[in-house]
C-alpha atoms as a PDB file:
ATOM      1  CA  MET A   1      -4.402  24.345 -49.754  1.00  0.00           C
ATOM      2  CA  LYS A   2      -4.184  24.215 -45.882  1.00  0.00           C
ATOM      3  CA  SER A   3      -6.971  22.986 -43.690  1.00  0.00           C
ATOM      4  CA  LYS A   4      -7.974  24.798 -40.567  1.00  0.00           C
ATOM      5  CA  PRO A   5      -9.523  22.238 -37.976  1.00  0.00           C
ATOM      6  CA  LYS A   6     -12.400  22.859 -35.656  1.00  0.00           C
ATOM      7  CA  ILE A   7     -12.470  20.485 -32.862  1.00  0.00           C
ATOM      8  CA  ASN A   8     -15.529  19.486 -31.066  1.00  0.00           C
ATOM      9  CA  ILE A   9     -15.747  17.530 -27.904  1.00  0.00           C
ATOM     10  CA  ASP A  10     -19.286  16.147 -26.836  1.00  0.00           C
ATOM     11  CA  GLU A  11     -18.739  16.543 -23.060  1.00  0.00           C
ATOM     12  CA  ASN A  12     -21.889  14.261 -22.470  1.00  0.00           C
ATOM     13  CA  ARG A  13     -20.152  11.505 -24.015  1.00  0.00           C
ATOM     14  CA  CYS A  14     -16.536  12.304 -22.609  1.00  0.00           C
ATOM     15  CA  SER A  15     -17.825  11.655 -19.019  1.00  0.00           C
ATOM     16  CA  GLN A  16     -14.745  10.553 -17.441  1.00  0.00           C
ATOM     17  CA  PRO A  17     -11.688  12.013 -19.063  1.00  0.00           C
ATOM     18  CA  ASP A  18      -9.599  12.011 -15.928  1.00  0.00           C
ATOM     19  CA  LYS A  19      -9.732   8.289 -16.212  1.00  0.00           C
ATOM     20  CA  CYS A  20      -9.498   7.623 -20.111  1.00  0.00           C
ATOM     21  CA  ARG A  21      -6.917  10.095 -21.556  1.00  0.00           C
ATOM     22  CA  LYS A  22      -6.663   8.199 -24.571  1.00  0.00           C
ATOM     23  CA  CYS A  23      -6.826  11.103 -26.819  1.00  0.00           C
ATOM     24  CA  LEU A  24      -4.013  12.987 -24.935  1.00  0.00           C
ATOM     25  CA  GLN A  25      -1.808   9.901 -25.357  1.00  0.00           C
ATOM     26  CA  VAL A  26      -1.989   9.675 -29.129  1.00  0.00           C
ATOM     27  CA  CYS A  27      -1.852  13.701 -30.023  1.00  0.00           C
ATOM     28  CA  GLN A  28       1.634  14.020 -30.822  1.00  0.00           C
ATOM     29  CA  PRO A  29       1.486  17.851 -30.973  1.00  0.00           C
ATOM     30  CA  CYS A  30      -0.562  18.106 -27.628  1.00  0.00           C
ATOM     31  CA  VAL A  31      -3.361  19.894 -29.035  1.00  0.00           C
ATOM     32  CA  LEU A  32      -5.765  18.699 -26.313  1.00  0.00           C
ATOM     33  CA  ASN A  33      -5.604  19.243 -22.788  1.00  0.00           C
ATOM     34  CA  LEU A  34      -7.069  17.950 -19.578  1.00  0.00           C
ATOM     35  CA  THR A  35      -8.252  20.869 -17.418  1.00  0.00           C
ATOM     36  CA  PHE A  36     -10.656  21.496 -14.543  1.00  0.00           C
ATOM     37  CA  ILE A  37     -13.643  23.817 -14.912  1.00  0.00           C
ATOM     38  CA  ASP A  38     -14.327  24.528 -11.354  1.00  0.00           C
ATOM     39  CA  GLU A  39     -12.360  25.466  -8.254  1.00  0.00           C
ATOM     40  CA  ASP A  40     -12.942  21.929  -6.707  1.00  0.00           C
ATOM     41  CA  TYR A  41     -10.729  20.021  -8.927  1.00  0.00           C
ATOM     42  CA  HIS A  42     -11.030  16.963  -6.730  1.00  0.00           C
ATOM     43  CA  LYS A  43     -14.434  16.024  -8.247  1.00  0.00           C
ATOM     44  CA  PRO A  44     -13.998  14.044 -11.566  1.00  0.00           C
ATOM     45  CA  LYS A  45     -17.093  15.570 -13.069  1.00  0.00           C
ATOM     46  CA  ASN A  46     -15.180  19.133 -12.932  1.00  0.00           C
ATOM     47  CA  TRP A  47     -12.611  17.884 -15.484  1.00  0.00           C
ATOM     48  CA  LYS A  48     -12.798  17.988 -19.089  1.00  0.00           C
ATOM     49  CA  ILE A  49     -10.888  17.678 -22.155  1.00  0.00           C
ATOM     50  CA  ILE A  50     -10.367  20.999 -24.216  1.00  0.00           C
ATOM     51  CA  PRO A  51      -8.608  21.805 -27.535  1.00  0.00           C
ATOM     52  CA  ALA A  52      -5.998  24.047 -26.201  1.00  0.00           C
ATOM     53  CA  PHE A  53      -3.951  24.423 -29.272  1.00  0.00           C
ATOM     54  CA  PRO A  54      -6.148  23.774 -32.450  1.00  0.00           C
ATOM     55  CA  GLN A  55      -3.566  25.793 -34.635  1.00  0.00           C
ATOM     56  CA  LEU A  56      -1.169  22.606 -33.876  1.00  0.00           C
ATOM     57  CA  CYS A  57      -3.551  20.059 -35.287  1.00  0.00           C
ATOM     58  CA  LEU A  58      -1.977  18.039 -38.034  1.00  0.00           C
ATOM     59  CA  GLY A  59      -5.304  17.978 -39.846  1.00  0.00           C
ATOM     60  CA  PRO A  60      -6.858  15.256 -42.009  1.00  0.00           C
ATOM     61  CA  GLU A  61      -3.577  13.374 -42.266  1.00  0.00           C
ATOM     62  CA  CYS A  62      -3.638  12.356 -38.531  1.00  0.00           C
ATOM     63  CA  GLY A  63      -7.163  12.145 -36.855  1.00  0.00           C
ATOM     64  CA  LYS A  64      -5.819   9.859 -34.373  1.00  0.00           C
ATOM     65  CA  CYS A  65      -7.823  11.318 -31.289  1.00  0.00           C
ATOM     66  CA  GLU A  66     -11.053  10.805 -33.260  1.00  0.00           C
ATOM     67  CA  GLU A  67      -9.957   7.120 -33.981  1.00  0.00           C
ATOM     68  CA  VAL A  68      -9.057   6.336 -30.351  1.00  0.00           C
ATOM     69  CA  CYS A  69     -11.867   7.854 -28.602  1.00  0.00           C
ATOM     70  CA  PRO A  70     -13.913   4.867 -27.081  1.00  0.00           C
ATOM     71  CA  LYS A  71     -17.042   7.232 -26.865  1.00  0.00           C
ATOM     72  CA  GLY A  72     -17.055   8.848 -30.170  1.00  0.00           C
ATOM     73  CA  ALA A  73     -16.699  12.236 -28.300  1.00  0.00           C
ATOM     74  CA  ILE A  74     -14.333  14.006 -30.496  1.00  0.00           C
ATOM     75  CA  GLY A  75     -15.157  15.258 -33.895  1.00  0.00           C
ATOM     76  CA  ILE A  76     -12.995  17.444 -36.187  1.00  0.00           C
ATOM     77  CA  GLU A  77     -14.109  19.504 -39.069  1.00  0.00           C
ATOM     78  CA  TYR A  78     -11.683  20.679 -41.639  1.00  0.00           C
ATOM     79  CA  LYS A  79     -12.013  23.812 -43.466  1.00  0.00           C
ATOM     80  CA  SER A  80      -9.700  24.853 -46.203  1.00  0.00           C
ATOM     81  CA  TYR A  81      -8.251  28.333 -46.429  1.00  0.00           C
END
């Protein structure tokens, strides 16, 4: 049975994604992406991590992004299908 991940990122905990980027460094399939949410991309508060390609997530056998996050901002739920 395969598992389908639901990736949740708590933006309140992930307050400086532009400086941290640890989850981006460990995610081999590049599921996560650092993007800006406003036209003024020069302000750090306008940056956030998003699960751009959740279908590429390796599932329960990986979980490196959750492990490496210093703020515990990433949570992944796995649903079997």
